[in-house]
């Protein structure tokens, strides 16, 4: 099963859209840096642990790399640099929607996936219908989530055209 390192925003998007439980039904393992879970996701930590999120720690080299990343990528938060360093340490993709973190990950040769990709996976793998996805999108918008709405609409349209309902 492929491991994916998640930042806080992805998990919040999924929670706000009512998709967090479904996300953990996908054939992936999800891991979040320990400090992100304990500090940025403190209110959700118990729920995430109950859903079997994995908690990751950086080794000494990984921590040094996170510090280097913070100096190199000034627009990326400390927490996000830790997540990026963990993705590099674990040699796996990073889940984020944060523009600055996506750019940094690209420069660091780390594969990035986001909320749109997760929603597509939920639909294609039969965990979510297009109608349910549309309702989730409405909830995310109402909660003030910042997502690529046009990209989501294109993804849903493409899925509908291929017959995944």
N, C-alpha and C. Protein backbone atom coordinates (compact mmCIF):
# COMPACT_ATOMS: atom_id res chain seq x y z
N UNK A 1 0.85 -1.18 0.00
CA UNK A 1 0.00 0.00 0.00
C UNK A 1 0.89 1.24 0.00
N UNK A 2 0.61 2.17 -0.89
CA UNK A 2 1.44 3.37 -1.01
C UNK A 2 1.25 4.29 0.20
N UNK A 3 2.35 4.82 0.68
CA UNK A 3 2.35 5.79 1.77
C UNK A 3 2.26 7.19 1.20
N UNK A 4 1.45 8.03 1.83
CA UNK A 4 1.31 9.43 1.46
C UNK A 4 1.48 10.27 2.72
N UNK A 5 2.32 11.30 2.65
CA UNK A 5 2.50 12.23 3.76
C UNK A 5 1.53 13.38 3.55
N UNK A 6 0.75 13.69 4.57
CA UNK A 6 -0.26 14.75 4.43
C UNK A 6 0.10 15.98 5.26
N UNK A 7 -0.19 17.14 4.69
CA UNK A 7 -0.11 18.35 5.49
C UNK A 7 -1.45 18.56 6.18
N UNK A 8 -1.54 19.57 7.00
CA UNK A 8 -2.77 19.82 7.76
C UNK A 8 -3.93 20.22 6.86
N UNK A 9 -3.66 21.02 5.82
CA UNK A 9 -4.75 21.53 4.99
C UNK A 9 -5.56 20.44 4.31
N UNK A 10 -4.91 19.41 3.85
CA UNK A 10 -5.62 18.31 3.19
C UNK A 10 -6.59 17.66 4.16
N UNK A 11 -6.11 17.40 5.36
CA UNK A 11 -6.96 16.74 6.36
C UNK A 11 -8.13 17.64 6.76
N UNK A 12 -7.88 18.93 6.85
CA UNK A 12 -8.96 19.87 7.17
C UNK A 12 -9.95 19.94 6.02
N UNK A 13 -9.46 19.97 4.77
CA UNK A 13 -10.36 19.94 3.61
C UNK A 13 -11.28 18.73 3.68
N UNK A 14 -10.70 17.58 3.92
CA UNK A 14 -11.48 16.33 3.96
C UNK A 14 -12.50 16.36 5.10
N UNK A 15 -12.09 16.88 6.25
CA UNK A 15 -13.01 16.98 7.39
C UNK A 15 -14.16 17.93 7.08
N UNK A 16 -13.85 19.10 6.54
CA UNK A 16 -14.87 20.10 6.24
C UNK A 16 -15.83 19.61 5.16
N UNK A 17 -15.32 18.79 4.24
CA UNK A 17 -16.17 18.25 3.19
C UNK A 17 -16.91 16.98 3.59
N UNK A 18 -16.70 16.53 4.83
CA UNK A 18 -17.36 15.31 5.30
C UNK A 18 -16.78 14.05 4.66
N UNK A 19 -15.51 14.10 4.26
CA UNK A 19 -14.89 13.00 3.54
C UNK A 19 -13.75 12.32 4.30
N UNK A 20 -13.50 12.75 5.52
CA UNK A 20 -12.34 12.23 6.24
C UNK A 20 -12.42 10.72 6.45
N UNK A 21 -13.57 10.23 6.90
CA UNK A 21 -13.71 8.78 7.10
C UNK A 21 -13.50 8.02 5.80
N UNK A 22 -14.08 8.54 4.71
CA UNK A 22 -13.94 7.87 3.41
C UNK A 22 -12.49 7.85 2.93
N UNK A 23 -11.77 8.91 3.21
CA UNK A 23 -10.37 9.00 2.80
C UNK A 23 -9.58 7.79 3.32
N UNK A 24 -9.89 7.37 4.53
CA UNK A 24 -9.15 6.27 5.14
C UNK A 24 -9.61 4.90 4.64
N UNK A 25 -10.61 4.88 3.74
CA UNK A 25 -11.01 3.64 3.08
C UNK A 25 -10.25 3.43 1.78
N UNK A 26 -9.51 4.44 1.35
CA UNK A 26 -8.72 4.33 0.12
C UNK A 26 -7.54 3.40 0.36
N UNK A 27 -7.02 2.80 -0.71
CA UNK A 27 -5.91 1.85 -0.56
C UNK A 27 -4.55 2.54 -0.42
N UNK A 28 -4.48 3.46 0.52
CA UNK A 28 -3.25 4.20 0.81
C UNK A 28 -3.05 4.24 2.31
N UNK A 29 -1.81 4.43 2.71
CA UNK A 29 -1.50 4.69 4.11
C UNK A 29 -1.23 6.19 4.23
N UNK A 30 -1.81 6.81 5.22
CA UNK A 30 -1.63 8.24 5.42
C UNK A 30 -0.80 8.48 6.67
N UNK A 31 0.17 9.37 6.52
CA UNK A 31 1.06 9.70 7.63
C UNK A 31 1.15 11.22 7.73
N UNK A 32 1.23 11.70 8.95
CA UNK A 32 1.37 13.13 9.20
C UNK A 32 2.54 13.32 10.18
N UNK A 33 3.32 14.39 10.01
CA UNK A 33 4.40 14.62 10.98
C UNK A 33 3.85 14.79 12.39
N UNK A 34 4.58 14.28 13.35
CA UNK A 34 4.12 14.33 14.74
C UNK A 34 3.80 15.74 15.21
N UNK A 35 4.65 16.71 14.88
CA UNK A 35 4.40 18.08 15.35
C UNK A 35 3.18 18.70 14.69
N UNK A 36 2.89 18.31 13.46
CA UNK A 36 1.70 18.81 12.77
C UNK A 36 0.45 18.26 13.46
N UNK A 37 0.47 16.98 13.78
CA UNK A 37 -0.68 16.37 14.47
C UNK A 37 -0.88 17.00 15.85
N UNK A 38 0.21 17.17 16.59
CA UNK A 38 0.11 17.66 17.96
C UNK A 38 -0.16 19.16 18.06
N UNK A 39 0.27 19.93 17.07
CA UNK A 39 0.14 21.38 17.17
C UNK A 39 -0.87 21.97 16.20
N UNK A 40 -0.78 21.63 14.93
CA UNK A 40 -1.70 22.21 13.94
C UNK A 40 -3.05 21.50 13.91
N UNK A 41 -3.06 20.23 14.21
CA UNK A 41 -4.29 19.43 14.13
C UNK A 41 -4.73 18.95 15.51
N UNK A 42 -4.38 19.69 16.52
CA UNK A 42 -4.65 19.28 17.90
C UNK A 42 -6.11 18.89 18.12
N UNK A 43 -7.04 19.70 17.58
CA UNK A 43 -8.47 19.42 17.78
C UNK A 43 -8.94 18.16 17.06
N UNK A 44 -8.25 17.78 16.00
CA UNK A 44 -8.62 16.60 15.22
C UNK A 44 -7.78 15.38 15.57
N UNK A 45 -6.79 15.53 16.41
CA UNK A 45 -5.81 14.47 16.64
C UNK A 45 -6.44 13.16 17.10
N UNK A 46 -7.35 13.22 18.03
CA UNK A 46 -7.99 12.00 18.52
C UNK A 46 -8.75 11.28 17.42
N UNK A 47 -9.47 12.05 16.64
CA UNK A 47 -10.25 11.48 15.53
C UNK A 47 -9.31 10.87 14.49
N UNK A 48 -8.23 11.56 14.16
CA UNK A 48 -7.29 11.04 13.18
C UNK A 48 -6.61 9.76 13.67
N UNK A 49 -6.28 9.73 14.94
CA UNK A 49 -5.67 8.51 15.50
C UNK A 49 -6.66 7.35 15.45
N UNK A 50 -7.94 7.63 15.72
CA UNK A 50 -8.98 6.60 15.66
C UNK A 50 -9.13 6.06 14.23
N UNK A 51 -8.85 6.90 13.25
CA UNK A 51 -8.91 6.48 11.85
C UNK A 51 -7.61 5.80 11.39
N UNK A 52 -6.70 5.64 12.32
CA UNK A 52 -5.42 4.95 12.08
C UNK A 52 -4.43 5.73 11.24
N UNK A 53 -4.42 7.06 11.41
CA UNK A 53 -3.38 7.83 10.72
C UNK A 53 -2.04 7.43 11.34
N UNK A 54 -1.03 7.36 10.52
CA UNK A 54 0.30 7.08 11.01
C UNK A 54 0.96 8.40 11.40
N UNK A 55 1.80 8.35 12.40
CA UNK A 55 2.49 9.55 12.86
C UNK A 55 3.97 9.38 12.56
N UNK A 56 4.52 10.36 11.86
CA UNK A 56 5.91 10.26 11.44
C UNK A 56 6.82 11.22 12.17
N UNK A 57 8.05 10.78 12.37
CA UNK A 57 9.08 11.62 12.99
C UNK A 57 10.27 11.68 12.04
N UNK A 58 10.90 12.81 12.04
CA UNK A 58 12.12 12.96 11.25
C UNK A 58 13.30 12.40 12.03
N UNK A 59 14.21 11.72 11.31
CA UNK A 59 15.46 11.31 11.95
C UNK A 59 16.37 12.54 11.96
N UNK A 60 17.58 12.40 12.45
CA UNK A 60 18.49 13.54 12.56
C UNK A 60 18.77 14.21 11.23
N UNK A 61 19.03 13.41 10.19
CA UNK A 61 19.26 13.97 8.86
C UNK A 61 18.02 14.67 8.34
N UNK A 62 16.85 14.07 8.60
CA UNK A 62 15.60 14.66 8.16
C UNK A 62 15.34 16.00 8.83
N UNK A 63 15.65 16.09 10.11
CA UNK A 63 15.46 17.36 10.83
C UNK A 63 16.41 18.43 10.29
N UNK A 64 17.65 18.06 10.04
CA UNK A 64 18.59 19.00 9.44
C UNK A 64 18.10 19.46 8.07
N UNK A 65 17.54 18.52 7.31
CA UNK A 65 17.02 18.86 5.99
C UNK A 65 15.82 19.80 6.10
N UNK A 66 14.96 19.58 7.08
CA UNK A 66 13.80 20.47 7.29
C UNK A 66 14.27 21.90 7.59
N UNK A 67 15.33 22.02 8.38
CA UNK A 67 15.89 23.34 8.70
C UNK A 67 16.46 23.99 7.44
N UNK A 68 17.14 23.18 6.63
CA UNK A 68 17.67 23.69 5.35
C UNK A 68 16.53 24.16 4.45
N UNK A 69 15.47 23.38 4.40
CA UNK A 69 14.32 23.73 3.56
C UNK A 69 13.69 25.04 4.02
N UNK A 70 13.62 25.25 5.33
CA UNK A 70 13.07 26.50 5.87
C UNK A 70 13.88 27.70 5.41
N UNK A 71 15.20 27.54 5.36
CA UNK A 71 16.05 28.63 4.90
C UNK A 71 15.95 28.85 3.40
N UNK A 72 15.74 27.79 2.67
CA UNK A 72 15.69 27.84 1.21
C UNK A 72 14.34 28.31 0.67
N UNK A 73 13.26 27.91 1.33
CA UNK A 73 11.91 28.21 0.86
C UNK A 73 11.21 29.12 1.88
N UNK A 74 11.45 30.39 1.77
CA UNK A 74 11.00 31.38 2.78
C UNK A 74 9.48 31.47 2.92
N UNK A 75 8.72 31.14 1.87
CA UNK A 75 7.26 31.25 1.92
C UNK A 75 6.60 30.00 2.48
N UNK A 76 7.39 29.00 2.81
CA UNK A 76 6.86 27.73 3.31
C UNK A 76 7.01 27.70 4.83
N UNK A 77 5.93 27.35 5.53
CA UNK A 77 5.95 27.35 7.00
C UNK A 77 6.89 26.25 7.53
N UNK A 78 7.25 26.40 8.78
CA UNK A 78 8.10 25.41 9.45
C UNK A 78 7.44 24.03 9.42
N UNK A 79 6.13 23.99 9.71
CA UNK A 79 5.40 22.72 9.69
C UNK A 79 5.43 22.08 8.31
N UNK A 80 5.25 22.92 7.28
CA UNK A 80 5.24 22.40 5.92
C UNK A 80 6.62 21.91 5.50
N UNK A 81 7.67 22.57 5.96
CA UNK A 81 9.03 22.10 5.67
C UNK A 81 9.28 20.75 6.35
N UNK A 82 8.72 20.56 7.51
CA UNK A 82 8.85 19.27 8.19
C UNK A 82 8.12 18.19 7.39
N UNK A 83 6.91 18.51 6.90
CA UNK A 83 6.17 17.56 6.07
C UNK A 83 6.92 17.22 4.80
N UNK A 84 7.49 18.22 4.15
CA UNK A 84 8.26 18.00 2.94
C UNK A 84 9.49 17.14 3.22
N UNK A 85 10.17 17.43 4.31
CA UNK A 85 11.35 16.63 4.68
C UNK A 85 10.94 15.19 5.00
N UNK A 86 9.78 15.01 5.62
CA UNK A 86 9.30 13.65 5.92
C UNK A 86 8.97 12.90 4.64
N UNK A 87 8.37 13.58 3.67
CA UNK A 87 8.07 12.93 2.38
C UNK A 87 9.37 12.50 1.69
N UNK A 88 10.39 13.35 1.78
CA UNK A 88 11.69 12.98 1.19
C UNK A 88 12.31 11.82 1.95
N UNK A 89 12.24 11.87 3.28
CA UNK A 89 12.80 10.80 4.11
C UNK A 89 12.13 9.46 3.81
N UNK A 90 10.80 9.49 3.62
CA UNK A 90 10.03 8.27 3.39
C UNK A 90 9.95 7.90 1.90
N UNK A 91 10.51 8.76 1.03
CA UNK A 91 10.48 8.54 -0.43
C UNK A 91 9.07 8.29 -0.94
N UNK A 92 8.18 9.21 -0.60
CA UNK A 92 6.79 9.05 -1.00
C UNK A 92 6.17 10.41 -1.35
N UNK A 93 5.00 10.40 -1.99
CA UNK A 93 4.33 11.66 -2.35
C UNK A 93 3.88 12.45 -1.12
N UNK A 94 3.69 13.73 -1.37
CA UNK A 94 3.20 14.67 -0.36
C UNK A 94 1.80 15.12 -0.75
N UNK A 95 0.88 15.11 0.19
CA UNK A 95 -0.47 15.63 -0.03
C UNK A 95 -0.53 17.05 0.49
N UNK A 96 -0.78 17.99 -0.41
CA UNK A 96 -0.92 19.39 -0.01
C UNK A 96 -1.66 20.17 -1.08
N UNK A 97 -2.28 21.23 -0.67
CA UNK A 97 -2.89 22.17 -1.60
C UNK A 97 -2.22 23.52 -1.52
N UNK A 98 -1.29 23.66 -0.59
CA UNK A 98 -0.60 24.92 -0.37
C UNK A 98 0.32 25.24 -1.56
N UNK A 99 0.09 26.38 -2.18
CA UNK A 99 0.83 26.75 -3.40
C UNK A 99 2.34 26.82 -3.16
N UNK A 100 2.76 27.48 -2.09
CA UNK A 100 4.19 27.62 -1.82
C UNK A 100 4.83 26.26 -1.54
N UNK A 101 4.13 25.41 -0.81
CA UNK A 101 4.66 24.08 -0.52
C UNK A 101 4.72 23.22 -1.78
N UNK A 102 3.72 23.35 -2.65
CA UNK A 102 3.74 22.62 -3.92
C UNK A 102 4.97 23.02 -4.74
N UNK A 103 5.24 24.32 -4.79
CA UNK A 103 6.41 24.81 -5.55
C UNK A 103 7.70 24.28 -4.94
N UNK A 104 7.80 24.32 -3.62
CA UNK A 104 8.99 23.81 -2.95
C UNK A 104 9.16 22.32 -3.19
N UNK A 105 8.08 21.57 -3.11
CA UNK A 105 8.14 20.13 -3.35
C UNK A 105 8.61 19.83 -4.77
N UNK A 106 8.11 20.60 -5.71
CA UNK A 106 8.53 20.43 -7.09
C UNK A 106 10.03 20.66 -7.24
N UNK A 107 10.53 21.71 -6.59
CA UNK A 107 11.98 21.99 -6.64
C UNK A 107 12.79 20.89 -5.97
N UNK A 108 12.18 20.22 -5.00
CA UNK A 108 12.87 19.16 -4.26
C UNK A 108 12.61 17.77 -4.86
N UNK A 109 11.96 17.73 -6.03
CA UNK A 109 11.66 16.47 -6.74
C UNK A 109 10.78 15.52 -5.93
N UNK A 110 9.80 16.09 -5.20
CA UNK A 110 8.84 15.31 -4.45
C UNK A 110 7.50 15.38 -5.19
N UNK A 111 6.90 14.23 -5.44
CA UNK A 111 5.59 14.17 -6.10
C UNK A 111 4.55 14.76 -5.17
N UNK A 112 3.65 15.59 -5.74
CA UNK A 112 2.60 16.24 -4.94
C UNK A 112 1.23 15.84 -5.47
N UNK A 113 0.35 15.55 -4.55
CA UNK A 113 -1.05 15.28 -4.86
C UNK A 113 -1.87 16.14 -3.90
N UNK A 114 -3.15 16.36 -4.24
CA UNK A 114 -3.95 17.25 -3.40
C UNK A 114 -5.37 16.78 -3.21
N UNK A 115 -6.20 17.69 -2.75
CA UNK A 115 -7.61 17.40 -2.46
C UNK A 115 -8.35 16.94 -3.70
N UNK A 116 -8.09 17.56 -4.84
CA UNK A 116 -8.77 17.17 -6.08
C UNK A 116 -8.44 15.71 -6.41
N UNK A 117 -7.18 15.35 -6.30
CA UNK A 117 -6.77 13.98 -6.56
C UNK A 117 -7.44 13.01 -5.59
N UNK A 118 -7.50 13.37 -4.31
CA UNK A 118 -8.15 12.49 -3.33
C UNK A 118 -9.62 12.30 -3.66
N UNK A 119 -10.30 13.39 -4.02
CA UNK A 119 -11.72 13.27 -4.37
C UNK A 119 -11.89 12.39 -5.61
N UNK A 120 -11.01 12.56 -6.58
CA UNK A 120 -11.07 11.72 -7.78
C UNK A 120 -10.88 10.25 -7.41
N UNK A 121 -9.92 9.97 -6.54
CA UNK A 121 -9.70 8.60 -6.09
C UNK A 121 -10.94 8.03 -5.40
N UNK A 122 -11.58 8.83 -4.56
CA UNK A 122 -12.78 8.38 -3.87
C UNK A 122 -13.88 8.01 -4.86
N UNK A 123 -14.03 8.80 -5.91
CA UNK A 123 -15.07 8.55 -6.91
C UNK A 123 -14.71 7.34 -7.77
N UNK A 124 -13.52 7.34 -8.33
CA UNK A 124 -13.10 6.28 -9.24
C UNK A 124 -13.09 4.92 -8.54
N UNK A 125 -12.73 4.91 -7.27
CA UNK A 125 -12.67 3.65 -6.52
C UNK A 125 -14.00 3.29 -5.85
N UNK A 126 -15.05 4.03 -6.19
CA UNK A 126 -16.41 3.68 -5.76
C UNK A 126 -16.75 3.99 -4.31
N UNK A 127 -16.00 4.88 -3.70
CA UNK A 127 -16.29 5.25 -2.30
C UNK A 127 -17.21 6.47 -2.20
N UNK A 128 -17.37 7.19 -3.33
CA UNK A 128 -18.11 8.45 -3.34
C UNK A 128 -18.72 8.63 -4.73
N UNK A 129 -19.98 9.06 -4.77
CA UNK A 129 -20.61 9.35 -6.06
C UNK A 129 -20.30 10.79 -6.45
N UNK A 130 -20.49 11.12 -7.71
CA UNK A 130 -20.29 12.49 -8.17
C UNK A 130 -21.24 13.42 -7.43
N UNK A 131 -22.47 12.99 -7.22
CA UNK A 131 -23.45 13.81 -6.50
C UNK A 131 -22.99 14.08 -5.07
N UNK A 132 -22.47 13.06 -4.41
CA UNK A 132 -21.95 13.24 -3.05
C UNK A 132 -20.73 14.16 -3.06
N UNK A 133 -19.90 14.02 -4.07
CA UNK A 133 -18.72 14.89 -4.20
C UNK A 133 -19.15 16.34 -4.36
N UNK A 134 -20.16 16.58 -5.16
CA UNK A 134 -20.66 17.94 -5.35
C UNK A 134 -21.17 18.53 -4.04
N UNK A 135 -21.85 17.71 -3.23
CA UNK A 135 -22.33 18.18 -1.92
C UNK A 135 -21.14 18.49 -1.00
N UNK A 136 -20.10 17.68 -1.07
CA UNK A 136 -18.89 17.92 -0.27
C UNK A 136 -18.22 19.23 -0.68
N UNK A 137 -18.21 19.48 -1.96
CA UNK A 137 -17.60 20.72 -2.47
C UNK A 137 -18.36 21.94 -1.95
N UNK A 138 -19.67 21.85 -1.93
CA UNK A 138 -20.49 22.95 -1.39
C UNK A 138 -20.11 23.19 0.07
N UNK A 139 -19.98 22.11 0.86
CA UNK A 139 -19.61 22.25 2.27
C UNK A 139 -18.24 22.90 2.42
N UNK A 140 -17.29 22.49 1.59
CA UNK A 140 -15.95 23.06 1.66
C UNK A 140 -15.97 24.55 1.33
N UNK A 141 -16.73 24.92 0.31
CA UNK A 141 -16.86 26.35 -0.05
C UNK A 141 -17.46 27.14 1.11
N UNK A 142 -18.54 26.59 1.69
CA UNK A 142 -19.23 27.27 2.79
C UNK A 142 -18.32 27.43 4.01
N UNK A 143 -17.39 26.51 4.18
CA UNK A 143 -16.45 26.57 5.31
C UNK A 143 -15.23 27.43 4.99
N UNK A 144 -15.20 28.01 3.78
CA UNK A 144 -14.13 28.92 3.42
C UNK A 144 -12.84 28.26 2.98
N UNK A 145 -12.91 27.00 2.58
CA UNK A 145 -11.71 26.32 2.09
C UNK A 145 -11.28 26.95 0.78
N UNK A 146 -10.00 27.02 0.57
CA UNK A 146 -9.45 27.59 -0.67
C UNK A 146 -8.95 26.46 -1.54
N UNK A 147 -9.74 26.14 -2.54
CA UNK A 147 -9.41 25.04 -3.44
C UNK A 147 -9.49 25.51 -4.89
N UNK A 148 -8.88 24.76 -5.80
CA UNK A 148 -8.96 25.11 -7.22
C UNK A 148 -10.33 24.68 -7.78
N UNK A 149 -11.33 25.51 -7.56
CA UNK A 149 -12.72 25.16 -7.88
C UNK A 149 -12.90 24.78 -9.35
N UNK A 150 -12.23 25.49 -10.25
CA UNK A 150 -12.34 25.17 -11.69
C UNK A 150 -11.75 23.79 -11.98
N UNK A 151 -10.64 23.48 -11.34
CA UNK A 151 -10.02 22.17 -11.53
C UNK A 151 -10.93 21.06 -11.01
N UNK A 152 -11.60 21.31 -9.89
CA UNK A 152 -12.54 20.33 -9.34
C UNK A 152 -13.70 20.12 -10.32
N UNK A 153 -14.24 21.21 -10.86
CA UNK A 153 -15.35 21.11 -11.81
C UNK A 153 -14.93 20.30 -13.04
N UNK A 154 -13.72 20.55 -13.55
CA UNK A 154 -13.21 19.80 -14.70
C UNK A 154 -13.06 18.31 -14.37
N UNK A 155 -12.55 18.01 -13.19
CA UNK A 155 -12.38 16.62 -12.78
C UNK A 155 -13.73 15.93 -12.71
N UNK A 156 -14.73 16.57 -12.10
CA UNK A 156 -16.06 15.97 -11.99
C UNK A 156 -16.69 15.77 -13.37
N UNK A 157 -16.53 16.76 -14.23
CA UNK A 157 -17.07 16.65 -15.58
C UNK A 157 -16.42 15.50 -16.34
N UNK A 158 -15.12 15.38 -16.20
CA UNK A 158 -14.39 14.30 -16.87
C UNK A 158 -14.86 12.94 -16.36
N UNK A 159 -15.05 12.81 -15.08
CA UNK A 159 -15.51 11.55 -14.50
C UNK A 159 -16.92 11.23 -14.98
N UNK A 160 -17.79 12.24 -14.98
CA UNK A 160 -19.16 12.00 -15.45
C UNK A 160 -19.15 11.55 -16.91
N UNK A 161 -18.26 12.10 -17.73
CA UNK A 161 -18.19 11.75 -19.15
C UNK A 161 -17.65 10.34 -19.38
N UNK A 162 -16.93 9.80 -18.39
CA UNK A 162 -16.41 8.43 -18.53
C UNK A 162 -17.33 7.40 -17.91
N UNK A 163 -18.44 7.86 -17.33
CA UNK A 163 -19.43 6.92 -16.82
C UNK A 163 -19.28 6.55 -15.36
N UNK A 164 -18.33 7.10 -14.64
CA UNK A 164 -18.24 6.85 -13.19
C UNK A 164 -19.26 7.74 -12.50
N UNK A 165 -20.33 7.20 -12.08
CA UNK A 165 -21.38 7.98 -11.42
C UNK A 165 -21.41 7.53 -10.00
